Amino acid sequence: MNTTTSTNSAVRFTIDFFKQTITGTKASFAKAGKGFGPEYEELTAKMAAHPTFTLTVKEQKHKATSAKKTYEGMDFKFMEDYIATFENATLAHEYESVKEMAKKCGTKAYPLTKKWFLGKFSDEESGFDMDAARKTIADFRIVQATKEAA
């Protein structure tokens, strides 16, 4: 003898005896509110069995993903200008080598170069500060302009 219930016995509403609640999704309550169908029958049966329980809508789970960091305005020119503020030939050579390696490998140069750049100049805790970098570049340009004017 088969003792299993029908295959359409999905539980749409759950009972919490500690909190004395009957919980369901917003969609399940909406379907039960039509006054017929399996959602209605399940809800009314649970309400009849537990008349003192309150009805609660189940909160949807939100993924807790960290926001993707974007660096608006970061392009090759920006990276080159920032590297120039260090007046370090080794950094400039490394930068060019990374770009060339990407081209030799057949990959796009920008993503690989950006990854190298952020790895080289980012703070582990706060990441790369675009505003501070823009200020550094502007200050460097002002110093260069005043040197040339003198």
N, C-alpha and C. Protein backbone atom coordinates (compact mmCIF):
# COMPACT_ATOMS: atom_id res chain seq x y z
N MET A 1 0.85 -1.18 0.00
CA MET A 1 0.00 0.00 0.00
C MET A 1 0.89 1.24 0.00
N ASN A 2 0.55 2.21 -0.81
CA ASN A 2 1.31 3.44 -0.94
C ASN A 2 0.81 4.46 0.09
N THR A 3 1.70 4.89 0.99
CA THR A 3 1.28 5.83 2.05
C THR A 3 1.71 7.26 1.76
N THR A 4 2.31 7.49 0.60
CA THR A 4 2.72 8.86 0.29
C THR A 4 1.52 9.68 -0.14
N THR A 5 1.63 10.97 0.09
CA THR A 5 0.54 11.86 -0.31
C THR A 5 0.71 12.21 -1.78
N SER A 6 -0.20 12.96 -2.31
CA SER A 6 -0.13 13.31 -3.72
C SER A 6 1.12 14.14 -4.00
N THR A 7 1.55 14.14 -5.24
CA THR A 7 2.78 14.84 -5.61
C THR A 7 2.60 16.36 -5.57
N ASN A 8 1.38 16.84 -5.47
CA ASN A 8 1.11 18.27 -5.45
C ASN A 8 0.88 18.75 -4.01
N SER A 9 1.72 18.32 -3.08
CA SER A 9 1.51 18.66 -1.68
C SER A 9 2.59 19.64 -1.19
N ALA A 10 2.88 20.62 -1.99
CA ALA A 10 3.89 21.61 -1.60
C ALA A 10 3.39 22.41 -0.40
N VAL A 11 4.29 22.63 0.55
CA VAL A 11 3.94 23.41 1.73
C VAL A 11 4.13 24.88 1.40
N ARG A 12 3.05 25.62 1.45
CA ARG A 12 3.11 27.04 1.12
C ARG A 12 3.13 27.91 2.38
N PHE A 13 2.65 27.35 3.45
CA PHE A 13 2.57 28.08 4.71
C PHE A 13 3.22 27.23 5.80
N THR A 14 4.04 27.87 6.62
CA THR A 14 4.71 27.15 7.71
C THR A 14 4.18 27.65 9.05
N ILE A 15 4.26 26.77 10.03
CA ILE A 15 3.77 27.10 11.37
C ILE A 15 4.96 27.19 12.31
N ASP A 16 5.01 28.28 13.07
CA ASP A 16 6.04 28.46 14.09
C ASP A 16 5.34 28.46 15.44
N PHE A 17 5.51 27.36 16.17
CA PHE A 17 4.82 27.22 17.44
C PHE A 17 5.38 28.15 18.52
N PHE A 18 6.68 28.46 18.45
CA PHE A 18 7.27 29.34 19.45
C PHE A 18 6.76 30.77 19.30
N LYS A 19 6.70 31.25 18.08
CA LYS A 19 6.23 32.63 17.83
C LYS A 19 4.72 32.68 17.63
N GLN A 20 4.10 31.51 17.51
CA GLN A 20 2.66 31.36 17.26
C GLN A 20 2.25 32.13 16.01
N THR A 21 2.92 31.78 14.91
CA THR A 21 2.62 32.42 13.62
C THR A 21 2.45 31.38 12.53
N ILE A 22 1.70 31.77 11.53
CA ILE A 22 1.59 31.02 10.28
C ILE A 22 2.22 31.92 9.23
N THR A 23 3.28 31.44 8.61
CA THR A 23 4.06 32.27 7.70
C THR A 23 3.93 31.75 6.28
N GLY A 24 3.80 32.68 5.36
CA GLY A 24 3.74 32.35 3.94
C GLY A 24 4.32 33.47 3.12
N THR A 25 4.54 33.20 1.86
CA THR A 25 5.06 34.24 0.97
C THR A 25 3.92 35.18 0.57
N LYS A 26 4.29 36.31 0.08
CA LYS A 26 3.31 37.30 -0.37
C LYS A 26 2.45 36.69 -1.49
N ALA A 27 3.09 35.94 -2.39
CA ALA A 27 2.38 35.31 -3.49
C ALA A 27 1.39 34.27 -2.99
N SER A 28 1.79 33.48 -1.99
CA SER A 28 0.89 32.46 -1.45
C SER A 28 -0.33 33.08 -0.79
N PHE A 29 -0.12 34.15 -0.04
CA PHE A 29 -1.26 34.85 0.57
C PHE A 29 -2.17 35.44 -0.51
N ALA A 30 -1.59 35.95 -1.58
CA ALA A 30 -2.40 36.52 -2.67
C ALA A 30 -3.24 35.44 -3.33
N LYS A 31 -2.65 34.28 -3.56
CA LYS A 31 -3.40 33.17 -4.16
C LYS A 31 -4.49 32.66 -3.22
N ALA A 32 -4.17 32.56 -1.93
CA ALA A 32 -5.16 32.11 -0.95
C ALA A 32 -6.29 33.11 -0.82
N GLY A 33 -5.99 34.38 -1.05
CA GLY A 33 -7.00 35.43 -0.94
C GLY A 33 -8.08 35.36 -2.00
N LYS A 34 -7.89 34.54 -3.03
CA LYS A 34 -8.89 34.40 -4.08
C LYS A 34 -10.10 33.58 -3.62
N GLY A 35 -9.92 32.81 -2.54
CA GLY A 35 -11.04 32.07 -1.97
C GLY A 35 -11.19 30.67 -2.50
N PHE A 36 -10.28 30.18 -3.30
CA PHE A 36 -10.33 28.81 -3.78
C PHE A 36 -8.92 28.38 -4.17
N GLY A 37 -8.77 27.07 -4.37
CA GLY A 37 -7.48 26.55 -4.78
C GLY A 37 -6.71 25.94 -3.62
N PRO A 38 -5.57 25.30 -3.93
CA PRO A 38 -4.81 24.60 -2.89
C PRO A 38 -4.24 25.53 -1.82
N GLU A 39 -3.86 26.76 -2.21
CA GLU A 39 -3.32 27.70 -1.22
C GLU A 39 -4.39 28.08 -0.21
N TYR A 40 -5.59 28.33 -0.70
CA TYR A 40 -6.71 28.69 0.17
C TYR A 40 -7.04 27.55 1.13
N GLU A 41 -7.09 26.34 0.59
CA GLU A 41 -7.42 25.18 1.42
C GLU A 41 -6.36 24.94 2.49
N GLU A 42 -5.09 25.07 2.12
CA GLU A 42 -4.01 24.86 3.08
C GLU A 42 -4.05 25.93 4.18
N LEU A 43 -4.24 27.18 3.79
CA LEU A 43 -4.26 28.26 4.77
C LEU A 43 -5.45 28.15 5.71
N THR A 44 -6.60 27.87 5.18
CA THR A 44 -7.78 27.77 6.05
C THR A 44 -7.68 26.58 6.99
N ALA A 45 -7.08 25.48 6.53
CA ALA A 45 -6.91 24.31 7.40
C ALA A 45 -5.96 24.65 8.55
N LYS A 46 -4.88 25.36 8.26
CA LYS A 46 -3.92 25.72 9.30
C LYS A 46 -4.50 26.77 10.25
N MET A 47 -5.30 27.68 9.71
CA MET A 47 -5.92 28.70 10.57
C MET A 47 -6.97 28.04 11.48
N ALA A 48 -7.69 27.06 10.97
CA ALA A 48 -8.69 26.36 11.77
C ALA A 48 -8.02 25.55 12.88
N ALA A 49 -6.87 24.96 12.58
CA ALA A 49 -6.17 24.16 13.57
C ALA A 49 -5.49 25.02 14.63
N HIS A 50 -5.15 26.27 14.27
CA HIS A 50 -4.44 27.17 15.19
C HIS A 50 -5.09 28.57 15.12
N PRO A 51 -6.28 28.72 15.70
CA PRO A 51 -7.01 29.98 15.57
C PRO A 51 -6.35 31.18 16.26
N THR A 52 -5.46 30.95 17.21
CA THR A 52 -4.84 32.08 17.92
C THR A 52 -3.55 32.55 17.25
N PHE A 53 -3.09 31.83 16.25
CA PHE A 53 -1.83 32.19 15.59
C PHE A 53 -2.06 33.40 14.67
N THR A 54 -1.02 34.20 14.53
CA THR A 54 -1.10 35.35 13.62
C THR A 54 -0.47 34.99 12.29
N LEU A 55 -0.92 35.68 11.25
CA LEU A 55 -0.39 35.46 9.91
C LEU A 55 0.74 36.46 9.65
N THR A 56 1.86 35.95 9.11
CA THR A 56 2.98 36.84 8.79
C THR A 56 3.48 36.52 7.38
N VAL A 57 3.92 37.57 6.71
CA VAL A 57 4.48 37.42 5.38
C VAL A 57 5.98 37.18 5.52
N LYS A 58 6.44 36.16 4.83
CA LYS A 58 7.86 35.79 4.87
C LYS A 58 8.69 36.85 4.15
N GLU A 59 9.75 37.30 4.82
CA GLU A 59 10.65 38.27 4.20
C GLU A 59 11.49 37.56 3.15
N GLN A 60 11.66 38.22 2.00
CA GLN A 60 12.51 37.65 0.97
C GLN A 60 13.96 37.77 1.36
N LYS A 61 14.72 36.76 1.04
CA LYS A 61 16.14 36.79 1.33
C LYS A 61 16.84 37.63 0.28
N HIS A 62 17.67 38.55 0.75
CA HIS A 62 18.44 39.38 -0.16
C HIS A 62 19.89 38.93 -0.09
N LYS A 63 20.49 38.77 -1.25
CA LYS A 63 21.88 38.36 -1.27
C LYS A 63 22.73 39.49 -0.71
N ALA A 64 23.63 39.14 0.16
CA ALA A 64 24.51 40.11 0.78
C ALA A 64 25.82 40.15 0.01
N THR A 65 25.74 40.67 -1.20
CA THR A 65 26.96 40.77 -1.99
C THR A 65 27.56 42.15 -1.79
N SER A 66 28.85 42.17 -1.77
CA SER A 66 29.50 43.47 -1.63
C SER A 66 29.38 44.21 -2.95
N ALA A 67 29.24 45.49 -2.85
CA ALA A 67 29.09 46.30 -4.04
C ALA A 67 30.36 46.24 -4.87
N LYS A 68 30.17 46.14 -6.15
CA LYS A 68 31.31 46.10 -7.05
C LYS A 68 31.92 47.49 -7.10
N LYS A 69 33.23 47.54 -6.95
CA LYS A 69 33.90 48.83 -7.00
C LYS A 69 34.13 49.20 -8.45
N THR A 70 33.72 50.38 -8.80
CA THR A 70 33.97 50.88 -10.14
C THR A 70 34.88 52.08 -10.04
N TYR A 71 35.66 52.25 -11.04
CA TYR A 71 36.64 53.33 -11.06
C TYR A 71 36.37 54.17 -12.29
N GLU A 72 35.40 55.07 -12.18
CA GLU A 72 35.00 55.90 -13.30
C GLU A 72 36.13 56.85 -13.67
N GLY A 73 36.47 56.83 -14.93
CA GLY A 73 37.53 57.70 -15.42
C GLY A 73 38.89 57.03 -15.45
N MET A 74 38.98 55.79 -14.99
CA MET A 74 40.27 55.11 -15.02
C MET A 74 40.46 54.51 -16.41
N ASP A 75 41.35 55.09 -17.16
CA ASP A 75 41.71 54.57 -18.46
C ASP A 75 43.23 54.55 -18.55
N PHE A 76 43.76 54.19 -19.71
CA PHE A 76 45.21 54.12 -19.85
C PHE A 76 45.86 55.47 -19.56
N LYS A 77 45.27 56.54 -20.06
CA LYS A 77 45.84 57.88 -19.86
C LYS A 77 45.89 58.21 -18.37
N PHE A 78 44.82 57.91 -17.65
CA PHE A 78 44.78 58.17 -16.21
C PHE A 78 45.89 57.39 -15.50
N MET A 79 46.01 56.10 -15.83
CA MET A 79 47.04 55.28 -15.18
C MET A 79 48.44 55.83 -15.48
N GLU A 80 48.66 56.21 -16.73
CA GLU A 80 49.97 56.77 -17.11
C GLU A 80 50.25 58.07 -16.38
N ASP A 81 49.24 58.93 -16.27
CA ASP A 81 49.42 60.20 -15.56
C ASP A 81 49.72 59.96 -14.08
N TYR A 82 49.04 58.99 -13.48
CA TYR A 82 49.28 58.70 -12.07
C TYR A 82 50.67 58.13 -11.84
N ILE A 83 51.08 57.22 -12.71
CA ILE A 83 52.41 56.63 -12.59
C ILE A 83 53.48 57.70 -12.77
N ALA A 84 53.23 58.67 -13.62
CA ALA A 84 54.19 59.74 -13.86
C ALA A 84 54.42 60.59 -12.61
N THR A 85 53.46 60.64 -11.71
CA THR A 85 53.63 61.44 -10.49
C THR A 85 54.70 60.86 -9.58
N PHE A 86 55.03 59.59 -9.76
CA PHE A 86 56.05 58.96 -8.92
C PHE A 86 57.46 59.18 -9.46
N GLU A 87 57.56 59.60 -10.71
CA GLU A 87 58.86 59.81 -11.35
C GLU A 87 59.77 58.62 -11.12
N ASN A 88 59.21 57.43 -11.36
CA ASN A 88 59.93 56.18 -11.14
C ASN A 88 59.92 55.42 -12.46
N ALA A 89 61.07 55.30 -13.09
CA ALA A 89 61.17 54.64 -14.38
C ALA A 89 60.79 53.17 -14.30
N THR A 90 61.04 52.55 -13.17
CA THR A 90 60.71 51.14 -13.00
C THR A 90 59.20 50.92 -13.07
N LEU A 91 58.42 51.79 -12.44
CA LEU A 91 56.96 51.66 -12.49
C LEU A 91 56.46 51.82 -13.92
N ALA A 92 56.98 52.81 -14.63
CA ALA A 92 56.56 53.05 -16.01
C ALA A 92 56.91 51.85 -16.88
N HIS A 93 58.08 51.27 -16.66
CA HIS A 93 58.51 50.10 -17.44
C HIS A 93 57.61 48.90 -17.12
N GLU A 94 57.29 48.69 -15.85
CA GLU A 94 56.40 47.60 -15.44
C GLU A 94 55.03 47.75 -16.10
N TYR A 95 54.51 48.97 -16.08
CA TYR A 95 53.21 49.27 -16.69
C TYR A 95 53.22 48.89 -18.17
N GLU A 96 54.23 49.32 -18.89
CA GLU A 96 54.32 49.01 -20.33
C GLU A 96 54.48 47.51 -20.55
N SER A 97 55.24 46.84 -19.69
CA SER A 97 55.44 45.39 -19.82
C SER A 97 54.12 44.64 -19.63
N VAL A 98 53.31 45.08 -18.69
CA VAL A 98 52.02 44.43 -18.46
C VAL A 98 51.12 44.60 -19.69
N LYS A 99 51.09 45.79 -20.25
CA LYS A 99 50.29 46.03 -21.46
C LYS A 99 50.77 45.16 -22.62
N GLU A 100 52.06 45.07 -22.80
CA GLU A 100 52.63 44.27 -23.88
C GLU A 100 52.34 42.78 -23.67
N MET A 101 52.45 42.31 -22.44
CA MET A 101 52.19 40.91 -22.14
C MET A 101 50.75 40.54 -22.48
N ALA A 102 49.83 41.43 -22.17
CA ALA A 102 48.43 41.17 -22.49
C ALA A 102 48.25 41.03 -23.99
N LYS A 103 48.89 41.88 -24.75
CA LYS A 103 48.77 41.81 -26.22
C LYS A 103 49.40 40.52 -26.75
N LYS A 104 50.55 40.12 -26.17
CA LYS A 104 51.22 38.89 -26.61
C LYS A 104 50.38 37.66 -26.30
N CYS A 105 49.68 37.69 -25.18
CA CYS A 105 48.85 36.55 -24.77
C CYS A 105 47.51 36.51 -25.51
N GLY A 106 47.20 37.55 -26.23
CA GLY A 106 45.94 37.60 -26.96
C GLY A 106 44.75 38.00 -26.10
N THR A 107 45.03 38.55 -24.92
CA THR A 107 43.93 39.02 -24.07
C THR A 107 43.81 40.54 -24.22
N LYS A 108 42.73 41.06 -23.73
CA LYS A 108 42.54 42.50 -23.78
C LYS A 108 43.50 43.16 -22.80
N ALA A 109 44.09 44.25 -23.23
CA ALA A 109 45.12 44.90 -22.43
C ALA A 109 44.54 45.64 -21.22
N TYR A 110 43.38 46.26 -21.38
CA TYR A 110 42.86 47.09 -20.29
C TYR A 110 42.57 46.31 -19.01
N PRO A 111 41.82 45.20 -19.06
CA PRO A 111 41.53 44.51 -17.79
C PRO A 111 42.78 44.03 -17.04
N LEU A 112 43.75 43.51 -17.78
CA LEU A 112 44.97 43.03 -17.14
C LEU A 112 45.78 44.19 -16.56
N THR A 113 45.87 45.28 -17.33
CA THR A 113 46.62 46.44 -16.86
C THR A 113 45.95 47.07 -15.65
N LYS A 114 44.63 47.15 -15.68
CA LYS A 114 43.88 47.70 -14.55
C LYS A 114 44.09 46.84 -13.30
N LYS A 115 44.07 45.52 -13.48
CA LYS A 115 44.28 44.62 -12.34
C LYS A 115 45.67 44.85 -11.74
N TRP A 116 46.69 44.97 -12.60
CA TRP A 116 48.05 45.23 -12.11
C TRP A 116 48.10 46.57 -11.39
N PHE A 117 47.50 47.59 -12.01
CA PHE A 117 47.52 48.95 -11.46
C PHE A 117 46.87 48.97 -10.07
N LEU A 118 45.69 48.38 -9.95
CA LEU A 118 44.99 48.37 -8.66
C LEU A 118 45.75 47.55 -7.63
N GLY A 119 46.37 46.47 -8.06
CA GLY A 119 47.18 45.67 -7.14
C GLY A 119 48.40 46.43 -6.65
N LYS A 120 48.93 47.27 -7.51
CA LYS A 120 50.14 48.02 -7.17
C LYS A 120 49.84 49.24 -6.29
N PHE A 121 48.73 49.91 -6.54
CA PHE A 121 48.49 51.19 -5.89
C PHE A 121 47.29 51.22 -4.94
N SER A 122 46.61 50.10 -4.74
CA SER A 122 45.44 50.09 -3.86
C SER A 122 45.83 49.82 -2.42
N ASP A 123 45.05 50.41 -1.53
CA ASP A 123 45.15 50.12 -0.11
C ASP A 123 44.25 48.91 0.13
N GLU A 124 44.72 47.93 0.87
CA GLU A 124 43.95 46.69 1.08
C GLU A 124 42.60 46.95 1.75
N GLU A 125 42.54 47.91 2.63
CA GLU A 125 41.31 48.15 3.39
C GLU A 125 40.29 48.98 2.60
N SER A 126 40.77 50.06 1.96
CA SER A 126 39.82 50.97 1.32
C SER A 126 39.87 50.94 -0.20
N GLY A 127 40.78 50.18 -0.79
CA GLY A 127 40.87 50.13 -2.24
C GLY A 127 41.62 51.34 -2.79
N PHE A 128 41.41 51.61 -4.04
CA PHE A 128 42.08 52.72 -4.70
C PHE A 128 41.20 53.95 -4.61
N ASP A 129 41.75 55.05 -4.17
CA ASP A 129 40.99 56.29 -4.00
C ASP A 129 41.15 57.16 -5.24
N MET A 130 40.13 57.16 -6.10
CA MET A 130 40.19 57.91 -7.35
C MET A 130 40.30 59.42 -7.10
N ASP A 131 39.59 59.92 -6.10
CA ASP A 131 39.63 61.37 -5.82
C ASP A 131 41.02 61.80 -5.39
N ALA A 132 41.64 61.01 -4.52
CA ALA A 132 43.00 61.34 -4.07
C ALA A 132 43.97 61.26 -5.24
N ALA A 133 43.78 60.28 -6.12
CA ALA A 133 44.66 60.13 -7.28
C ALA A 133 44.49 61.31 -8.23
N ARG A 134 43.26 61.74 -8.43
CA ARG A 134 43.03 62.92 -9.30
C ARG A 134 43.72 64.15 -8.72
N LYS A 135 43.63 64.30 -7.39
CA LYS A 135 44.28 65.43 -6.73
C LYS A 135 45.80 65.33 -6.89
N THR A 136 46.35 64.15 -6.73
CA THR A 136 47.79 63.94 -6.89
C THR A 136 48.23 64.31 -8.30
N ILE A 137 47.47 63.88 -9.29
CA ILE A 137 47.80 64.20 -10.69
C ILE A 137 47.73 65.70 -10.93
N ALA A 138 46.68 66.35 -10.42
CA ALA A 138 46.54 67.80 -10.59
C ALA A 138 47.68 68.55 -9.92
N ASP A 139 48.03 68.16 -8.70
CA ASP A 139 49.14 68.80 -7.99
C ASP A 139 50.44 68.61 -8.75
N PHE A 140 50.66 67.41 -9.29
CA PHE A 140 51.88 67.13 -10.04
C PHE A 140 51.95 68.02 -11.29
N ARG A 141 50.82 68.15 -11.97
CA ARG A 141 50.79 69.00 -13.17
C ARG A 141 51.08 70.45 -12.83
N ILE A 142 50.56 70.91 -11.70
CA ILE A 142 50.82 72.30 -11.28
C ILE A 142 52.31 72.49 -11.01
N VAL A 143 52.92 71.55 -10.31
CA VAL A 143 54.35 71.62 -10.02
C VAL A 143 55.15 71.62 -11.32
N GLN A 144 54.77 70.74 -12.25
CA GLN A 144 55.49 70.68 -13.55
C GLN A 144 55.34 71.99 -14.31
N ALA A 145 54.14 72.56 -14.28
CA ALA A 145 53.90 73.82 -14.99
C ALA A 145 54.70 74.96 -14.39
N THR A 146 54.80 74.99 -13.06
CA THR A 146 55.57 76.08 -12.42
C THR A 146 57.06 75.90 -12.66
N LYS A 147 57.53 74.64 -12.78
CA LYS A 147 58.95 74.40 -13.08
C LYS A 147 59.29 74.90 -14.48
N GLU A 148 58.37 74.64 -15.42
CA GLU A 148 58.59 75.06 -16.79
C GLU A 148 58.52 76.57 -16.94
N ALA A 149 57.67 77.20 -16.14
CA ALA A 149 57.50 78.66 -16.21
C ALA A 149 58.71 79.39 -15.62
N ALA A 150 59.40 78.74 -14.72
CA ALA A 150 60.52 79.40 -14.02
C ALA A 150 61.78 79.44 -14.84
